[in-house]
Amino acid sequence: MVDNNHPLAGFQLNFAVEVTGVREATKTELEHGHVHDGNEHHG
């Protein structure tokens, strides 16, 4: 039997984050409906 769940699966996780900047979405991101990081390839 193999359990492929992460050891923290099922635990409540809380994250503290700080947004350090925002930018406008590119035309391509708006067309595709998601963020592009420059490394994505659509075929």
Protein backbone atom coordinates (compact mmCIF):
# COMPACT_ATOMS: atom_id res chain seq x y z
CA MET A 1 0.00 0.00 0.00
CA VAL A 2 1.34 3.42 -0.97
CA ASP A 3 0.11 6.71 0.47
CA ASN A 4 0.99 9.49 -2.01
CA ASN A 5 -0.59 12.25 0.08
CA HIS A 6 1.65 15.03 1.34
CA PRO A 7 2.42 14.67 5.07
CA LEU A 8 0.42 17.86 5.73
CA ALA A 9 -2.66 16.67 3.81
CA GLY A 10 -5.75 17.14 5.94
CA PHE A 11 -4.18 19.78 8.19
CA GLN A 12 -5.37 23.38 8.22
CA LEU A 13 -2.58 25.62 6.92
CA ASN A 14 -2.42 29.36 7.51
CA PHE A 15 -0.17 31.63 5.48
CA ALA A 16 0.88 35.20 6.18
CA VAL A 17 1.66 37.02 2.94
CA GLU A 18 2.55 40.52 1.86
CA VAL A 19 1.69 41.74 -1.64
CA THR A 20 4.70 43.72 -2.82
CA GLY A 21 3.44 44.70 -6.27
CA VAL A 22 0.74 44.33 -8.88
CA ARG A 23 0.65 44.73 -12.63
CA GLU A 24 -1.94 44.91 -15.36
CA ALA A 25 -2.74 41.66 -17.15
CA THR A 26 -1.28 41.29 -20.63
CA LYS A 27 -3.53 40.92 -23.68
CA THR A 28 -2.58 37.23 -23.91
CA GLU A 29 -3.40 36.62 -20.23
CA LEU A 30 -6.80 38.24 -20.69
CA GLU A 31 -7.46 36.13 -23.80
CA HIS A 32 -6.38 32.88 -22.10
CA GLY A 33 -7.91 33.68 -18.71
CA HIS A 34 -4.76 32.92 -16.70
CA VAL A 35 -1.34 34.28 -15.82
CA HIS A 36 1.62 33.72 -18.14
CA ASP A 37 5.10 33.68 -16.67
CA GLY A 38 6.97 33.64 -19.96
CA ASN A 39 7.75 29.92 -19.75
CA GLU A 40 4.42 28.56 -20.97
CA HIS A 41 3.95 27.03 -24.39
CA HIS A 42 0.52 26.62 -25.93
CA GLY A 43 0.27 24.20 -28.79
